[in-house]
N, C-alpha and C. Protein backbone atom coordinates (compact mmCIF):
# COMPACT_ATOMS: atom_id res chain seq x y z
N MET A 1 -1.88 3.73 -4.40
CA MET A 1 -2.15 5.16 -4.49
C MET A 1 -1.07 5.74 -3.47
N GLU A 2 -0.78 7.02 -3.83
CA GLU A 2 0.03 7.81 -3.03
C GLU A 2 -0.67 8.61 -1.92
N TYR A 3 -0.63 8.12 -0.72
CA TYR A 3 -1.30 8.59 0.25
C TYR A 3 -0.37 9.72 1.13
N LYS A 4 0.91 9.65 0.70
CA LYS A 4 1.78 10.71 1.42
C LYS A 4 1.43 12.05 0.97
N ASN A 5 0.76 12.41 -0.19
CA ASN A 5 0.54 13.60 -0.51
C ASN A 5 -0.98 13.98 -0.62
N VAL A 6 -1.84 13.21 0.04
CA VAL A 6 -3.28 13.50 0.13
C VAL A 6 -3.48 14.59 0.84
N GLU A 7 -4.54 15.33 0.50
CA GLU A 7 -4.86 16.66 1.24
C GLU A 7 -5.96 16.36 2.06
N ALA A 8 -6.08 15.17 2.76
CA ALA A 8 -7.21 14.78 3.60
C ALA A 8 -7.06 15.63 5.00
N GLU A 9 -8.18 15.81 5.71
CA GLU A 9 -8.20 16.32 7.08
C GLU A 9 -7.52 15.60 7.93
N ILE A 10 -6.64 16.29 8.94
CA ILE A 10 -5.91 15.62 9.93
C ILE A 10 -6.76 15.40 11.13
N THR A 11 -7.64 16.34 11.30
CA THR A 11 -8.47 16.35 12.55
C THR A 11 -9.98 16.21 12.19
N THR A 12 -10.87 15.93 13.24
CA THR A 12 -12.27 15.79 12.86
C THR A 12 -12.92 16.98 12.33
N ARG A 13 -13.87 16.65 11.36
CA ARG A 13 -14.59 17.82 10.79
C ARG A 13 -15.90 17.50 10.53
N THR A 14 -16.69 18.37 10.53
CA THR A 14 -18.17 18.12 10.47
C THR A 14 -18.39 18.44 8.92
N TYR A 15 -19.28 17.52 8.25
CA TYR A 15 -19.44 17.72 6.77
C TYR A 15 -21.03 17.74 6.56
N ASN A 16 -21.37 18.39 5.56
CA ASN A 16 -22.67 18.66 5.28
C ASN A 16 -23.38 17.30 4.61
N ARG A 17 -24.35 16.74 5.59
CA ARG A 17 -24.97 15.55 5.15
C ARG A 17 -25.60 15.58 3.74
N ASP A 18 -26.03 16.67 3.12
CA ASP A 18 -26.62 16.54 1.95
C ASP A 18 -25.56 16.39 0.70
N ILE A 19 -24.35 16.86 1.08
CA ILE A 19 -23.15 16.72 0.13
C ILE A 19 -22.75 15.12 0.11
N ILE A 20 -22.72 14.69 1.29
CA ILE A 20 -22.25 13.29 1.59
C ILE A 20 -23.27 12.29 0.83
N GLN A 21 -24.46 12.46 1.01
CA GLN A 21 -25.47 11.37 0.49
C GLN A 21 -25.74 11.71 -0.91
N LYS A 22 -25.33 12.82 -1.58
CA LYS A 22 -25.83 13.16 -2.89
C LYS A 22 -25.61 12.17 -3.93
N PRO A 23 -24.44 11.41 -4.04
CA PRO A 23 -24.10 10.59 -5.20
C PRO A 23 -25.15 9.31 -4.88
N THR A 24 -25.30 8.96 -3.79
CA THR A 24 -26.23 7.55 -3.58
C THR A 24 -27.57 8.05 -3.25
N GLY A 25 -27.81 9.15 -2.62
CA GLY A 25 -29.27 9.48 -2.21
C GLY A 25 -29.67 8.76 -0.89
N ASN A 26 -28.59 8.19 -0.27
CA ASN A 26 -28.93 7.59 1.02
C ASN A 26 -27.53 7.69 1.99
N ILE A 27 -27.78 8.30 2.97
CA ILE A 27 -26.54 8.71 3.88
C ILE A 27 -25.92 7.40 4.39
N TYR A 28 -26.69 6.24 4.68
CA TYR A 28 -26.19 4.99 5.24
C TYR A 28 -25.49 4.37 4.22
N GLU A 29 -25.87 4.40 2.95
CA GLU A 29 -25.31 3.73 1.78
C GLU A 29 -23.90 4.49 1.61
N ALA A 30 -23.88 5.78 1.80
CA ALA A 30 -22.63 6.45 1.36
C ALA A 30 -21.69 6.14 2.50
N ILE A 31 -22.14 6.15 3.84
CA ILE A 31 -21.20 5.90 4.82
C ILE A 31 -20.67 4.42 4.69
N ALA A 32 -21.55 3.41 4.53
CA ALA A 32 -21.01 2.18 4.11
C ALA A 32 -19.93 2.11 3.00
N ILE A 33 -20.04 2.74 2.06
CA ILE A 33 -19.03 2.69 0.83
C ILE A 33 -17.79 3.31 1.29
N MET A 34 -17.94 4.50 2.01
CA MET A 34 -16.69 5.09 2.54
C MET A 34 -16.05 4.23 3.68
N GLY A 35 -16.70 3.48 4.48
CA GLY A 35 -16.06 2.55 5.41
C GLY A 35 -15.35 1.41 4.79
N LYS A 36 -15.96 1.08 3.61
CA LYS A 36 -15.26 -0.19 2.94
C LYS A 36 -13.93 0.30 2.33
N ARG A 37 -14.14 1.66 1.74
CA ARG A 37 -12.82 2.19 1.28
C ARG A 37 -11.83 2.37 2.17
N ALA A 38 -12.26 2.86 3.49
CA ALA A 38 -11.34 3.05 4.70
C ALA A 38 -10.47 1.76 4.98
N GLU A 39 -11.38 0.79 4.94
CA GLU A 39 -10.82 -0.51 5.33
C GLU A 39 -9.57 -0.88 4.28
N GLN A 40 -9.92 -0.72 2.94
CA GLN A 40 -8.89 -1.05 1.89
C GLN A 40 -7.70 -0.11 1.98
N ILE A 41 -7.99 1.14 2.37
CA ILE A 41 -6.72 2.05 2.61
C ILE A 41 -5.86 1.60 3.68
N LYS A 42 -6.70 1.24 4.78
CA LYS A 42 -5.92 0.74 5.95
C LYS A 42 -5.10 -0.33 5.65
N ALA A 43 -5.68 -1.37 4.98
CA ALA A 43 -4.83 -2.56 4.57
C ALA A 43 -3.67 -2.23 3.79
N GLU A 44 -3.72 -1.41 2.79
CA GLU A 44 -2.72 -1.00 1.92
C GLU A 44 -1.61 -0.10 2.79
N LEU A 45 -1.94 0.60 3.63
CA LEU A 45 -0.96 1.36 4.59
C LEU A 45 -0.18 0.49 5.34
N LYS A 46 -1.05 -0.50 6.14
CA LYS A 46 -0.34 -1.39 6.95
C LYS A 46 0.66 -2.26 6.34
N THR A 47 0.24 -2.81 5.20
CA THR A 47 1.19 -3.62 4.44
C THR A 47 2.46 -2.96 3.87
N GLU A 48 2.31 -1.61 3.59
CA GLU A 48 3.51 -0.78 3.23
C GLU A 48 4.31 -0.58 4.43
N LEU A 49 3.63 -0.27 5.54
CA LEU A 49 4.51 0.02 6.72
C LEU A 49 5.29 -1.15 7.15
N LEU A 50 4.64 -2.22 7.12
CA LEU A 50 5.34 -3.52 7.52
C LEU A 50 6.41 -4.11 6.64
N GLU A 51 6.19 -3.71 5.44
CA GLU A 51 7.35 -3.96 4.59
C GLU A 51 8.57 -3.17 4.86
N LYS A 52 8.13 -1.98 4.98
CA LYS A 52 9.53 -1.05 5.48
C LYS A 52 10.04 -1.32 6.72
N LEU A 53 9.29 -1.56 7.76
CA LEU A 53 9.88 -1.87 9.02
C LEU A 53 10.47 -3.31 8.95
N ASP A 54 9.96 -4.11 8.18
CA ASP A 54 10.78 -5.39 7.98
C ASP A 54 12.21 -5.24 7.45
N GLU A 55 12.45 -4.19 6.68
CA GLU A 55 13.96 -3.79 6.28
C GLU A 55 14.91 -3.54 7.43
N PHE A 56 14.29 -3.14 8.52
CA PHE A 56 15.06 -2.82 9.72
C PHE A 56 15.09 -3.91 10.76
N ALA A 57 14.23 -5.02 10.64
CA ALA A 57 14.30 -5.88 11.61
C ALA A 57 15.48 -6.63 11.58
N ALA A 58 15.90 -7.01 12.83
CA ALA A 58 16.97 -7.69 13.25
C ALA A 58 16.44 -9.20 13.38
N HIS A 59 16.75 -10.00 12.47
CA HIS A 59 16.46 -11.42 12.70
C HIS A 59 17.53 -12.30 13.47
N SER A 60 17.24 -12.10 14.77
CA SER A 60 18.25 -12.89 15.75
C SER A 60 17.33 -13.87 16.38
N ASP A 61 18.00 -14.95 17.00
CA ASP A 61 17.29 -15.79 17.95
C ASP A 61 17.09 -15.39 19.35
N SER A 62 17.83 -14.47 19.71
CA SER A 62 17.83 -13.94 21.03
C SER A 62 16.64 -13.04 21.26
N LEU A 63 15.82 -13.22 22.23
CA LEU A 63 14.62 -12.34 22.51
C LEU A 63 15.08 -11.49 23.86
N ASP A 64 16.39 -11.54 24.38
CA ASP A 64 16.75 -10.76 25.39
C ASP A 64 17.24 -9.30 24.97
N GLU A 65 17.52 -9.19 23.58
CA GLU A 65 18.09 -7.96 23.07
C GLU A 65 17.06 -7.24 22.44
N VAL A 66 16.84 -6.05 22.78
CA VAL A 66 15.95 -5.09 22.00
C VAL A 66 16.56 -3.99 21.48
N PHE A 67 16.59 -3.75 20.11
CA PHE A 67 17.36 -2.82 19.55
C PHE A 67 16.39 -1.73 19.11
N GLU A 68 16.82 -0.47 19.31
CA GLU A 68 16.15 0.62 18.90
C GLU A 68 16.89 1.23 17.62
N ASN A 69 16.28 1.25 16.75
CA ASN A 69 16.73 1.67 15.35
C ASN A 69 16.03 3.15 15.16
N ARG A 70 16.95 3.99 14.89
CA ARG A 70 16.46 5.45 14.63
C ARG A 70 15.65 5.48 13.26
N GLU A 71 16.11 4.86 12.34
CA GLU A 71 15.29 4.78 10.97
C GLU A 71 13.95 4.27 11.12
N GLN A 72 13.92 3.15 11.78
CA GLN A 72 12.59 2.50 12.23
C GLN A 72 11.61 3.36 12.92
N ILE A 73 12.22 4.15 13.88
CA ILE A 73 11.49 5.11 14.60
C ILE A 73 10.80 6.22 13.75
N GLU A 74 11.71 6.70 12.83
CA GLU A 74 11.37 7.79 11.86
C GLU A 74 10.12 7.29 10.96
N VAL A 75 10.53 6.25 10.39
CA VAL A 75 9.25 5.61 9.52
C VAL A 75 7.89 5.41 10.25
N SER A 76 8.03 5.05 11.50
CA SER A 76 6.79 4.76 12.25
C SER A 76 6.13 6.16 12.46
N LYS A 77 6.91 7.24 12.88
CA LYS A 77 6.50 8.50 13.18
C LYS A 77 5.80 9.11 11.82
N PHE A 78 6.41 8.74 10.68
CA PHE A 78 5.90 9.37 9.41
C PHE A 78 4.43 8.86 9.26
N TYR A 79 4.40 7.46 9.44
CA TYR A 79 3.08 6.94 9.23
C TYR A 79 2.02 7.24 10.23
N GLU A 80 2.46 7.63 11.44
CA GLU A 80 1.54 7.99 12.35
C GLU A 80 1.01 9.60 12.11
N ARG A 81 1.80 10.48 11.35
CA ARG A 81 1.31 11.58 11.06
C ARG A 81 0.39 11.75 9.82
N LEU A 82 0.26 10.68 9.11
CA LEU A 82 -0.47 10.66 7.94
C LEU A 82 -1.96 10.84 8.28
N PRO A 83 -2.93 11.26 7.56
CA PRO A 83 -4.27 11.38 7.75
C PRO A 83 -5.00 10.03 7.99
N LYS A 84 -5.91 9.81 8.90
CA LYS A 84 -6.53 8.49 9.00
C LYS A 84 -7.10 7.86 7.78
N PRO A 85 -7.29 6.64 7.69
CA PRO A 85 -7.81 6.11 6.45
C PRO A 85 -9.33 6.57 6.21
N THR A 86 -9.99 6.75 7.26
CA THR A 86 -11.37 7.24 7.33
C THR A 86 -11.40 8.85 6.60
N ALA A 87 -10.44 9.68 6.89
CA ALA A 87 -10.39 10.99 6.62
C ALA A 87 -9.96 10.85 4.95
N ILE A 88 -9.23 10.05 4.68
CA ILE A 88 -8.80 9.85 3.18
C ILE A 88 -9.99 9.32 2.45
N ALA A 89 -10.58 8.43 2.86
CA ALA A 89 -11.91 7.95 2.28
C ALA A 89 -12.87 8.86 2.05
N VAL A 90 -13.16 9.78 3.09
CA VAL A 90 -14.07 10.86 2.79
C VAL A 90 -13.64 12.02 1.97
N LYS A 91 -12.42 12.07 1.87
CA LYS A 91 -11.75 13.15 0.86
C LYS A 91 -12.08 12.43 -0.59
N GLU A 92 -11.82 11.34 -0.73
CA GLU A 92 -11.90 10.55 -1.95
C GLU A 92 -13.47 10.56 -2.43
N TRP A 93 -14.28 10.32 -1.45
CA TRP A 93 -15.76 10.37 -1.63
C TRP A 93 -16.21 11.70 -2.31
N LEU A 94 -15.71 12.90 -1.50
CA LEU A 94 -16.22 14.16 -1.95
C LEU A 94 -15.65 14.61 -3.17
N ASP A 95 -14.33 14.17 -3.58
CA ASP A 95 -13.74 14.41 -4.82
C ASP A 95 -14.31 13.50 -5.97
N GLY A 96 -15.21 12.59 -5.73
CA GLY A 96 -15.62 11.62 -6.73
C GLY A 96 -14.81 10.54 -7.30
N GLU A 97 -13.69 10.25 -6.33
CA GLU A 97 -12.80 9.18 -6.79
C GLU A 97 -13.02 7.94 -6.43
N ILE A 98 -14.13 7.64 -5.79
CA ILE A 98 -14.58 6.22 -5.34
C ILE A 98 -15.37 5.68 -6.36
N TYR A 99 -15.20 4.50 -6.77
CA TYR A 99 -16.06 3.81 -7.78
C TYR A 99 -16.75 2.82 -6.98
N TYR A 100 -18.26 2.92 -7.19
CA TYR A 100 -18.93 1.92 -6.41
C TYR A 100 -20.23 1.43 -7.33
N ARG A 101 -20.82 0.27 -6.97
CA ARG A 101 -21.75 -0.16 -8.05
C ARG A 101 -22.84 -1.01 -7.07
N LYS A 102 -23.91 -1.00 -7.58
CA LYS A 102 -24.96 -1.71 -6.90
C LYS A 102 -25.25 -3.18 -7.65
N PRO A 103 -24.83 -4.36 -7.18
CA PRO A 103 -24.98 -5.50 -7.78
C PRO A 103 -26.56 -5.86 -8.04
N GLU A 104 -27.40 -5.40 -7.24
CA GLU A 104 -28.73 -5.76 -7.39
C GLU A 104 -29.25 -5.09 -8.64
N VAL A 105 -28.91 -3.88 -8.74
CA VAL A 105 -29.46 -3.04 -10.11
C VAL A 105 -28.99 -3.78 -11.38
N GLU A 106 -27.68 -4.09 -11.18
CA GLU A 106 -26.96 -4.82 -12.54
C GLU A 106 -27.67 -6.25 -12.87
N GLU A 107 -28.09 -6.92 -11.83
CA GLU A 107 -28.81 -8.30 -12.05
C GLU A 107 -30.09 -7.99 -12.71
N ASN A 108 -30.81 -6.85 -12.37
CA ASN A 108 -32.11 -6.66 -12.98
C ASN A 108 -32.14 -6.08 -14.41
N ASN A 109 -30.91 -5.68 -14.84
CA ASN A 109 -30.70 -5.07 -16.28
C ASN A 109 -30.68 -6.30 -17.26
């Protein structure tokens, strides 16, 4: 997914509990679903960041030298300015973009 253009909140915001729990009918279940989605987003962002930083890595045997790479610093700053994975997950939840299912309900059918 393209997280660079997401319109999620950068700062903390209070949401209406009724809106959050509406799709599931249970606030705790809704929070658990958003938490799992936030973990997925975090893993994707971390993998993407590490791949980009690996391009700038100096693969040398000497640990005495530390190189500061301007491009590497800019990539890191860009990812720091992105909304947090939890904010992205909340935005996706409110927009109805998160798919979830209840396995116990499917087994009974």
